[in-house]
PDB file of N, CA and C in Angstrom:
ATOM      1  N   MET A   1      53.066  20.437 -15.713  1.00  0.00           N
ATOM      2  CA  MET A   1      52.458  20.737 -14.411  1.00  0.00           C
ATOM      3  C   MET A   1      51.133  21.465 -14.684  1.00  0.00           C
ATOM      4  N   ASN A   2      50.067  21.122 -13.981  1.00  0.00           N
ATOM      5  CA  ASN A   2      48.781  21.726 -14.144  1.00  0.00           C
ATOM      6  C   ASN A   2      48.767  23.101 -13.449  1.00  0.00           C
ATOM      7  N   LYS A   3      48.109  24.073 -14.169  1.00  0.00           N
ATOM      8  CA  LYS A   3      48.100  25.405 -13.623  1.00  0.00           C
ATOM      9  C   LYS A   3      46.701  25.743 -13.005  1.00  0.00           C
ATOM     10  N   ILE A   4      46.628  26.698 -12.168  1.00  0.00           N
ATOM     11  CA  ILE A   4      45.381  27.304 -11.703  1.00  0.00           C
ATOM     12  C   ILE A   4      45.230  28.544 -12.376  1.00  0.00           C
ATOM     13  N   VAL A   5      43.980  28.801 -12.933  1.00  0.00           N
ATOM     14  CA  VAL A   5      43.745  30.057 -13.621  1.00  0.00           C
ATOM     15  C   VAL A   5      42.404  30.616 -13.047  1.00  0.00           C
ATOM     16  N   VAL A   6      42.187  31.910 -13.216  1.00  0.00           N
ATOM     17  CA  VAL A   6      40.943  32.571 -12.841  1.00  0.00           C
ATOM     18  C   VAL A   6      40.368  33.257 -14.087  1.00  0.00           C
ATOM     19  N   VAL A   7      38.985  33.162 -14.141  1.00  0.00           N
ATOM     20  CA  VAL A   7      38.248  33.739 -15.281  1.00  0.00           C
ATOM     21  C   VAL A   7      37.239  34.724 -14.807  1.00  0.00           C
ATOM     22  N   GLY A   8      37.289  35.926 -15.399  1.00  0.00           N
ATOM     23  CA  GLY A   8      36.301  36.951 -15.005  1.00  0.00           C
ATOM     24  C   GLY A   8      36.771  38.341 -15.318  1.00  0.00           C
ATOM     25  N   ASN A   9      36.010  39.237 -14.754  1.00  0.00           N
ATOM     26  CA  ASN A   9      36.342  40.685 -14.901  1.00  0.00           C
ATOM     27  C   ASN A   9      37.495  41.101 -14.007  1.00  0.00           C
ATOM     28  N   GLU A  10      38.030  42.232 -14.254  1.00  0.00           N
ATOM     29  CA  GLU A  10      39.202  42.680 -13.551  1.00  0.00           C
ATOM     30  C   GLU A  10      38.984  42.848 -12.007  1.00  0.00           C
ATOM     31  N   GLU A  11      37.750  43.209 -11.631  1.00  0.00           N
ATOM     32  CA  GLU A  11      37.407  43.356 -10.204  1.00  0.00           C
ATOM     33  C   GLU A  11      37.524  42.003  -9.453  1.00  0.00           C
ATOM     34  N   PHE A  12      37.121  40.958 -10.140  1.00  0.00           N
ATOM     35  CA  PHE A  12      37.168  39.602  -9.583  1.00  0.00           C
ATOM     36  C   PHE A  12      38.568  39.008  -9.615  1.00  0.00           C
ATOM     37  N   THR A  13      39.275  39.269 -10.738  1.00  0.00           N
ATOM     38  CA  THR A  13      40.566  38.590 -10.948  1.00  0.00           C
ATOM     39  C   THR A  13      41.802  39.276 -10.249  1.00  0.00           C
ATOM     40  N   LEU A  14      41.616  40.539  -9.944  1.00  0.00           N
ATOM     41  CA  LEU A  14      42.786  41.343  -9.488  1.00  0.00           C
ATOM     42  C   LEU A  14      43.536  40.682  -8.326  1.00  0.00           C
ATOM     43  N   GLY A  15      42.829  40.290  -7.282  1.00  0.00           N
ATOM     44  CA  GLY A  15      43.458  39.670  -6.126  1.00  0.00           C
ATOM     45  C   GLY A  15      44.234  38.372  -6.457  1.00  0.00           C
ATOM     46  N   PHE A  16      43.626  37.629  -7.372  1.00  0.00           N
ATOM     47  CA  PHE A  16      44.362  36.366  -7.826  1.00  0.00           C
ATOM     48  C   PHE A  16      45.637  36.717  -8.604  1.00  0.00           C
ATOM     49  N   GLU A  17      45.520  37.741  -9.455  1.00  0.00           N
ATOM     50  CA  GLU A  17      46.679  38.207 -10.216  1.00  0.00           C
ATOM     51  C   GLU A  17      47.782  38.611  -9.281  1.00  0.00           C
ATOM     52  N   LEU A  18      47.505  39.280  -8.227  1.00  0.00           N
ATOM     53  CA  LEU A  18      48.471  39.769  -7.293  1.00  0.00           C
ATOM     54  C   LEU A  18      49.289  38.672  -6.651  1.00  0.00           C
ATOM     55  N   ILE A  19      48.719  37.458  -6.538  1.00  0.00           N
ATOM     56  CA  ILE A  19      49.467  36.322  -5.974  1.00  0.00           C
ATOM     57  C   ILE A  19      50.050  35.419  -7.087  1.00  0.00           C
ATOM     58  N   GLY A  20      49.961  35.857  -8.335  1.00  0.00           N
ATOM     59  CA  GLY A  20      50.622  35.150  -9.442  1.00  0.00           C
ATOM     60  C   GLY A  20      49.762  34.210 -10.213  1.00  0.00           C
ATOM     61  N   ILE A  21      48.414  34.233 -10.051  1.00  0.00           N
ATOM     62  CA  ILE A  21      47.579  33.372 -10.838  1.00  0.00           C
ATOM     63  C   ILE A  21      47.203  34.083 -12.073  1.00  0.00           C
ATOM     64  N   GLU A  22      47.312  33.355 -13.202  1.00  0.00           N
ATOM     65  CA  GLU A  22      46.973  33.916 -14.517  1.00  0.00           C
ATOM     66  C   GLU A  22      45.376  34.205 -14.596  1.00  0.00           C
ATOM     67  N   SER A  23      45.060  35.273 -15.263  1.00  0.00           N
ATOM     68  CA  SER A  23      43.589  35.585 -15.408  1.00  0.00           C
ATOM     69  C   SER A  23      43.284  35.667 -16.811  1.00  0.00           C
ATOM     70  N   TYR A  24      42.041  35.324 -17.164  1.00  0.00           N
ATOM     71  CA  TYR A  24      41.490  35.361 -18.487  1.00  0.00           C
ATOM     72  C   TYR A  24      40.118  35.932 -18.503  1.00  0.00           C
ATOM     73  N   GLU A  25      39.758  36.459 -19.716  1.00  0.00           N
ATOM     74  CA  GLU A  25      38.351  36.967 -19.878  1.00  0.00           C
ATOM     75  C   GLU A  25      37.343  35.853 -19.976  1.00  0.00           C
ATOM     76  N   LEU A  26      36.130  36.050 -19.607  1.00  0.00           N
ATOM     77  CA  LEU A  26      35.098  35.066 -19.697  1.00  0.00           C
ATOM     78  C   LEU A  26      34.930  34.423 -21.107  1.00  0.00           C
ATOM     79  N   ILE A  27      35.142  35.205 -22.139  1.00  0.00           N
ATOM     80  CA  ILE A  27      34.987  34.654 -23.494  1.00  0.00           C
ATOM     81  C   ILE A  27      36.012  33.627 -23.801  1.00  0.00           C
ATOM     82  N   GLU A  28      37.078  33.517 -23.010  1.00  0.00           N
ATOM     83  CA  GLU A  28      38.056  32.474 -23.287  1.00  0.00           C
ATOM     84  C   GLU A  28      37.831  31.184 -22.535  1.00  0.00           C
ATOM     85  N   LEU A  29      36.715  31.078 -21.823  1.00  0.00           N
ATOM     86  CA  LEU A  29      36.466  29.879 -20.934  1.00  0.00           C
ATOM     87  C   LEU A  29      36.432  28.600 -21.743  1.00  0.00           C
ATOM     88  N   GLU A  30      35.695  28.610 -22.847  1.00  0.00           N
ATOM     89  CA  GLU A  30      35.602  27.328 -23.707  1.00  0.00           C
ATOM     90  C   GLU A  30      36.990  26.869 -24.053  1.00  0.00           C
ATOM     91  N   LYS A  31      37.847  27.742 -24.505  1.00  0.00           N
ATOM     92  CA  LYS A  31      39.227  27.368 -24.946  1.00  0.00           C
ATOM     93  C   LYS A  31      39.965  26.813 -23.707  1.00  0.00           C
ATOM     94  N   LEU A  32      39.768  27.423 -22.503  1.00  0.00           N
ATOM     95  CA  LEU A  32      40.523  26.980 -21.342  1.00  0.00           C
ATOM     96  C   LEU A  32      40.097  25.608 -20.878  1.00  0.00           C
ATOM     97  N   ILE A  33      38.824  25.178 -21.043  1.00  0.00           N
ATOM     98  CA  ILE A  33      38.407  23.893 -20.620  1.00  0.00           C
ATOM     99  C   ILE A  33      38.524  22.832 -21.687  1.00  0.00           C
ATOM    100  N   SER A  34      39.032  23.177 -22.797  1.00  0.00           N
ATOM    101  CA  SER A  34      39.184  22.215 -23.852  1.00  0.00           C
ATOM    102  C   SER A  34      40.301  21.180 -23.542  1.00  0.00           C
ATOM    103  N   LYS A  35      40.260  20.004 -24.077  1.00  0.00           N
ATOM    104  CA  LYS A  35      41.223  18.945 -23.823  1.00  0.00           C
ATOM    105  C   LYS A  35      42.608  19.408 -24.356  1.00  0.00           C
ATOM    106  N   GLY A  36      43.584  18.839 -23.693  1.00  0.00           N
ATOM    107  CA  GLY A  36      44.968  19.013 -24.134  1.00  0.00           C
ATOM    108  C   GLY A  36      45.687  20.320 -23.671  1.00  0.00           C
ATOM    109  N   ASN A  37      45.115  20.989 -22.723  1.00  0.00           N
ATOM    110  CA  ASN A  37      45.813  22.138 -22.197  1.00  0.00           C
ATOM    111  C   ASN A  37      46.418  21.750 -20.784  1.00  0.00           C
ATOM    112  N   GLU A  38      47.112  22.655 -20.173  1.00  0.00           N
ATOM    113  CA  GLU A  38      47.858  22.403 -18.951  1.00  0.00           C
ATOM    114  C   GLU A  38      47.063  22.879 -17.759  1.00  0.00           C
ATOM    115  N   ILE A  39      45.802  23.206 -17.845  1.00  0.00           N
ATOM    116  CA  ILE A  39      45.050  23.783 -16.784  1.00  0.00           C
ATOM    117  C   ILE A  39      44.329  22.723 -15.901  1.00  0.00           C
ATOM    118  N   GLY A  40      44.637  22.800 -14.613  1.00  0.00           N
ATOM    119  CA  GLY A  40      44.026  21.813 -13.684  1.00  0.00           C
ATOM    120  C   GLY A  40      42.822  22.336 -12.915  1.00  0.00           C
ATOM    121  N   ILE A  41      42.842  23.667 -12.640  1.00  0.00           N
ATOM    122  CA  ILE A  41      41.713  24.259 -11.883  1.00  0.00           C
ATOM    123  C   ILE A  41      41.327  25.648 -12.517  1.00  0.00           C
ATOM    124  N   VAL A  42      40.101  25.839 -12.792  1.00  0.00           N
ATOM    125  CA  VAL A  42      39.637  27.141 -13.285  1.00  0.00           C
ATOM    126  C   VAL A  42      38.681  27.683 -12.215  1.00  0.00           C
ATOM    127  N   ILE A  43      38.975  28.911 -11.776  1.00  0.00           N
ATOM    128  CA  ILE A  43      38.130  29.610 -10.816  1.00  0.00           C
ATOM    129  C   ILE A  43      37.321  30.639 -11.564  1.00  0.00           C
ATOM    130  N   ILE A  44      35.992  30.662 -11.244  1.00  0.00           N
ATOM    131  CA  ILE A  44      35.100  31.553 -11.924  1.00  0.00           C
ATOM    132  C   ILE A  44      34.106  32.124 -10.927  1.00  0.00           C
ATOM    133  N   ASN A  45      33.687  33.337 -11.147  1.00  0.00           N
ATOM    134  CA  ASN A  45      32.699  33.991 -10.313  1.00  0.00           C
ATOM    135  C   ASN A  45      31.334  33.438 -10.548  1.00  0.00           C
ATOM    136  N   GLN A  46      30.478  33.297  -9.526  1.00  0.00           N
ATOM    137  CA  GLN A  46      29.084  32.767  -9.651  1.00  0.00           C
ATOM    138  C   GLN A  46      28.317  33.540 -10.557  1.00  0.00           C
ATOM    139  N   ASN A  47      28.394  34.883 -10.526  1.00  0.00           N
ATOM    140  CA  ASN A  47      27.632  35.708 -11.495  1.00  0.00           C
ATOM    141  C   ASN A  47      27.955  35.507 -12.931  1.00  0.00           C
ATOM    142  N   ASP A  48      29.280  35.301 -13.157  1.00  0.00           N
ATOM    143  CA  ASP A  48      29.729  34.992 -14.563  1.00  0.00           C
ATOM    144  C   ASP A  48      29.327  33.593 -14.933  1.00  0.00           C
ATOM    145  N   PHE A  49      29.336  32.636 -14.068  1.00  0.00           N
ATOM    146  CA  PHE A  49      28.908  31.317 -14.326  1.00  0.00           C
ATOM    147  C   PHE A  49      27.407  31.240 -14.694  1.00  0.00           C
ATOM    148  N   ASP A  50      26.669  32.070 -14.075  1.00  0.00           N
ATOM    149  CA  ASP A  50      25.168  32.120 -14.275  1.00  0.00           C
ATOM    150  C   ASP A  50      24.843  32.667 -15.608  1.00  0.00           C
ATOM    151  N   THR A  51      25.756  33.439 -16.272  1.00  0.00           N
ATOM    152  CA  THR A  51      25.500  33.973 -17.596  1.00  0.00           C
ATOM    153  C   THR A  51      25.866  32.977 -18.756  1.00  0.00           C
ATOM    154  N   LEU A  52      26.498  31.908 -18.434  1.00  0.00           N
ATOM    155  CA  LEU A  52      26.930  30.901 -19.392  1.00  0.00           C
ATOM    156  C   LEU A  52      25.719  30.154 -20.006  1.00  0.00           C
ATOM    157  N   SER A  53      25.924  29.653 -21.250  1.00  0.00           N
ATOM    158  CA  SER A  53      24.824  28.891 -21.857  1.00  0.00           C
ATOM    159  C   SER A  53      24.589  27.586 -21.089  1.00  0.00           C
ATOM    160  N   ILE A  54      23.453  27.003 -21.251  1.00  0.00           N
ATOM    161  CA  ILE A  54      23.096  25.757 -20.590  1.00  0.00           C
ATOM    162  C   ILE A  54      24.064  24.622 -21.108  1.00  0.00           C
ATOM    163  N   LYS A  55      24.375  24.681 -22.377  1.00  0.00           N
ATOM    164  CA  LYS A  55      25.333  23.692 -23.001  1.00  0.00           C
ATOM    165  C   LYS A  55      26.662  23.730 -22.346  1.00  0.00           C
ATOM    166  N   LEU A  56      27.187  24.964 -22.185  1.00  0.00           N
ATOM    167  CA  LEU A  56      28.539  25.125 -21.588  1.00  0.00           C
ATOM    168  C   LEU A  56      28.499  24.712 -20.104  1.00  0.00           C
ATOM    169  N   LYS A  57      27.409  25.026 -19.408  1.00  0.00           N
ATOM    170  CA  LYS A  57      27.363  24.588 -17.948  1.00  0.00           C
ATOM    171  C   LYS A  57      27.289  23.086 -17.873  1.00  0.00           C
ATOM    172  N   ASN A  58      26.577  22.436 -18.817  1.00  0.00           N
ATOM    173  CA  ASN A  58      26.530  20.961 -18.777  1.00  0.00           C
ATOM    174  C   ASN A  58      27.906  20.378 -19.094  1.00  0.00           C
ATOM    175  N   ASP A  59      28.558  21.018 -20.085  1.00  0.00           N
ATOM    176  CA  ASP A  59      29.940  20.504 -20.450  1.00  0.00           C
ATOM    177  C   ASP A  59      30.881  20.658 -19.169  1.00  0.00           C
ATOM    178  N   ILE A  60      30.772  21.764 -18.417  1.00  0.00           N
ATOM    179  CA  ILE A  60      31.601  21.939 -17.285  1.00  0.00           C
ATOM    180  C   ILE A  60      31.288  20.898 -16.269  1.00  0.00           C
ATOM    181  N   SER A  61      30.005  20.644 -16.032  1.00  0.00           N
ATOM    182  CA  SER A  61      29.646  19.654 -15.006  1.00  0.00           C
ATOM    183  C   SER A  61      30.151  18.257 -15.301  1.00  0.00           C
ATOM    184  N   LYS A  62      30.449  17.935 -16.541  1.00  0.00           N
ATOM    185  CA  LYS A  62      30.902  16.614 -16.875  1.00  0.00           C
ATOM    186  C   LYS A  62      32.428  16.482 -16.898  1.00  0.00           C
ATOM    187  N   LEU A  63      33.120  17.580 -16.677  1.00  0.00           N
ATOM    188  CA  LEU A  63      34.600  17.657 -16.788  1.00  0.00           C
ATOM    189  C   LEU A  63      35.223  16.906 -15.626  1.00  0.00           C
ATOM    190  N   LEU A  64      36.255  16.137 -15.885  1.00  0.00           N
ATOM    191  CA  LEU A  64      37.151  15.594 -14.888  1.00  0.00           C
ATOM    192  C   LEU A  64      38.332  16.554 -14.739  1.00  0.00           C
ATOM    193  N   LYS A  65      38.702  17.142 -15.783  1.00  0.00           N
ATOM    194  CA  LYS A  65      39.840  18.099 -15.775  1.00  0.00           C
ATOM    195  C   LYS A  65      39.646  19.103 -16.849  1.00  0.00           C
ATOM    196  N   PRO A  66      39.756  20.389 -16.678  1.00  0.00           N
ATOM    197  CA  PRO A  66      40.090  20.967 -15.380  1.00  0.00           C
ATOM    198  C   PRO A  66      38.866  20.953 -14.533  1.00  0.00           C
ATOM    199  N   ILE A  67      39.175  21.111 -13.186  1.00  0.00           N
ATOM    200  CA  ILE A  67      38.114  21.300 -12.198  1.00  0.00           C
ATOM    201  C   ILE A  67      37.739  22.679 -12.197  1.00  0.00           C
ATOM    202  N   VAL A  68      36.437  22.992 -12.347  1.00  0.00           N
ATOM    203  CA  VAL A  68      35.934  24.385 -12.309  1.00  0.00           C
ATOM    204  C   VAL A  68      35.406  24.691 -10.929  1.00  0.00           C
ATOM    205  N   VAL A  69      35.960  25.670 -10.272  1.00  0.00           N
ATOM    206  CA  VAL A  69      35.534  26.044  -8.900  1.00  0.00           C
ATOM    207  C   VAL A  69      34.728  27.347  -9.105  1.00  0.00           C
ATOM    208  N   ILE A  70      33.557  27.350  -8.634  1.00  0.00           N
ATOM    209  CA  ILE A  70      32.570  28.515  -8.746  1.00  0.00           C
ATOM    210  C   ILE A  70      32.531  29.230  -7.418  1.00  0.00           C
ATOM    211  N   LEU A  71      32.840  30.546  -7.431  1.00  0.00           N
ATOM    212  CA  LEU A  71      32.917  31.301  -6.170  1.00  0.00           C
ATOM    213  C   LEU A  71      31.846  32.388  -6.198  1.00  0.00           C
ATOM    214  N   SER A  72      31.161  32.477  -5.099  1.00  0.00           N
ATOM    215  CA  SER A  72      30.225  33.628  -4.988  1.00  0.00           C
ATOM    216  C   SER A  72      30.950  34.758  -4.261  1.00  0.00           C
ATOM    217  N   ALA A  73      30.295  35.908  -4.205  1.00  0.00           N
ATOM    218  CA  ALA A  73      30.959  36.999  -3.515  1.00  0.00           C
ATOM    219  C   ALA A  73      31.165  36.727  -2.037  1.00  0.00           C
ATOM    220  N   ASP A  74      30.286  35.991  -1.421  1.00  0.00           N
ATOM    221  CA  ASP A  74      30.462  35.545  -0.066  1.00  0.00           C
ATOM    222  C   ASP A  74      31.628  34.660   0.140  1.00  0.00           C
ATOM    223  N   ASP A  75      31.827  33.758  -0.863  1.00  0.00           N
ATOM    224  CA  ASP A  75      33.010  32.860  -0.808  1.00  0.00           C
ATOM    225  C   ASP A  75      34.302  33.642  -0.803  1.00  0.00           C
ATOM    226  N   VAL A  76      34.369  34.688  -1.664  1.00  0.00           N
ATOM    227  CA  VAL A  76      35.599  35.478  -1.722  1.00  0.00           C
ATOM    228  C   VAL A  76      35.784  36.251  -0.467  1.00  0.00           C
ATOM    229  N   LYS A  77      34.795  36.825   0.065  1.00  0.00           N
ATOM    230  CA  LYS A  77      34.898  37.592   1.312  1.00  0.00           C
ATOM    231  C   LYS A  77      35.232  36.697   2.508  1.00  0.00           C
ATOM    232  N   GLY A  78      34.708  35.500   2.478  1.00  0.00           N
ATOM    233  CA  GLY A  78      34.851  34.564   3.635  1.00  0.00           C
ATOM    234  C   GLY A  78      36.116  33.692   3.505  1.00  0.00           C
ATOM    235  N   ASN A  79      36.911  33.870   2.472  1.00  0.00           N
ATOM    236  CA  ASN A  79      38.114  33.110   2.337  1.00  0.00           C
ATOM    237  C   ASN A  79      37.893  31.696   2.257  1.00  0.00           C
ATOM    238  N   THR A  80      36.913  31.212   1.548  1.00  0.00           N
ATOM    239  CA  THR A  80      36.612  29.744   1.477  1.00  0.00           C
ATOM    240  C   THR A  80      37.104  29.076   0.244  1.00  0.00           C
ATOM    241  N   LEU A  81      38.007  29.761  -0.497  1.00  0.00           N
ATOM    242  CA  LEU A  81      38.588  29.165  -1.735  1.00  0.00           C
ATOM    243  C   LEU A  81      39.198  27.901  -1.430  1.00  0.00           C
ATOM    244  N   LYS A  82      40.088  27.801  -0.406  1.00  0.00           N
ATOM    245  CA  LYS A  82      40.784  26.572  -0.038  1.00  0.00           C
ATOM    246  C   LYS A  82      39.769  25.465   0.202  1.00  0.00           C
ATOM    247  N   GLU A  83      38.674  25.726   0.975  1.00  0.00           N
ATOM    248  CA  GLU A  83      37.650  24.665   1.179  1.00  0.00           C
ATOM    249  C   GLU A  83      36.937  24.242  -0.089  1.00  0.00           C
ATOM    250  N   LYS A  84      36.665  25.146  -0.985  1.00  0.00           N
ATOM    251  CA  LYS A  84      36.035  24.803  -2.263  1.00  0.00           C
ATOM    252  C   LYS A  84      36.941  23.893  -3.087  1.00  0.00           C
ATOM    253  N   ILE A  85      38.265  24.181  -3.137  1.00  0.00           N
ATOM    254  CA  ILE A  85      39.237  23.385  -3.877  1.00  0.00           C
ATOM    255  C   ILE A  85      39.337  21.997  -3.264  1.00  0.00           C
ATOM    256  N   ILE A  86      39.431  21.944  -1.938  1.00  0.00           N
ATOM    257  CA  ILE A  86      39.441  20.650  -1.215  1.00  0.00           C
ATOM    258  C   ILE A  86      38.199  19.814  -1.636  1.00  0.00           C
ATOM    259  N   LYS A  87      37.052  20.462  -1.548  1.00  0.00           N
ATOM    260  CA  LYS A  87      35.821  19.688  -1.924  1.00  0.00           C
ATOM    261  C   LYS A  87      35.841  19.269  -3.398  1.00  0.00           C
ATOM    262  N   ALA A  88      36.343  20.110  -4.252  1.00  0.00           N
ATOM    263  CA  ALA A  88      36.376  19.669  -5.690  1.00  0.00           C
ATOM    264  C   ALA A  88      37.432  18.538  -5.922  1.00  0.00           C
ATOM    265  N   LEU A  89      38.562  18.571  -5.211  1.00  0.00           N
ATOM    266  CA  LEU A  89      39.567  17.566  -5.420  1.00  0.00           C
ATOM    267  C   LEU A  89      39.405  16.342  -4.569  1.00  0.00           C
ATOM    268  N   GLY A  90      38.824  16.530  -3.352  1.00  0.00           N
ATOM    269  CA  GLY A  90      38.628  15.522  -2.422  1.00  0.00           C
ATOM    270  C   GLY A  90      39.888  15.280  -1.621  1.00  0.00           C
ATOM    271  N   VAL A  91      40.836  16.220  -1.665  1.00  0.00           N
ATOM    272  CA  VAL A  91      42.038  16.074  -0.846  1.00  0.00           C
ATOM    273  C   VAL A  91      42.650  17.469  -0.601  1.00  0.00           C
ATOM    274  N   ASP A  92      43.314  17.635   0.494  1.00  0.00           N
ATOM    275  CA  ASP A  92      43.935  18.940   0.791  1.00  0.00           C
ATOM    276  C   ASP A  92      45.352  18.869   0.328  1.00  0.00           C
ATOM    277  N   LEU A  93      45.686  19.584  -0.722  1.00  0.00           N
ATOM    278  CA  LEU A  93      47.005  19.513  -1.285  1.00  0.00           C
ATOM    279  C   LEU A  93      47.987  20.370  -0.496  1.00  0.00           C
ATOM    280  N   MET A  94      47.519  21.174   0.420  1.00  0.00           N
ATOM    281  CA  MET A  94      48.336  22.109   1.117  1.00  0.00           C
ATOM    282  C   MET A  94      48.925  21.492   2.439  1.00  0.00           C
ATOM    283  N   LYS A  95      48.561  20.242   2.714  1.00  0.00           N
ATOM    284  CA  LYS A  95      49.135  19.528   3.898  1.00  0.00           C
ATOM    285  C   LYS A  95      50.556  19.144   3.654  1.00  0.00           C
TER     286      LYS A  95
END
């Protein structure tokens, strides 16, 4: 079964951890997006994504799996995570 994980600092990941989503440090992102793991969706903060190398950003943009969902501070406050995941997947899995 594919997992949803969140990547970032404790301030960003704490709410996700409280609902049972595993969290990882930003330095682990390359390992998380490598082939052969069980991760289906990676959630990352826009500020952290902006600090990534151009090569890693390009690698992420070409991925079919896992899907990387990039959230800004406004997205987190506005509760648009569900809409971002629907856009990334093309289907509402919660129906």
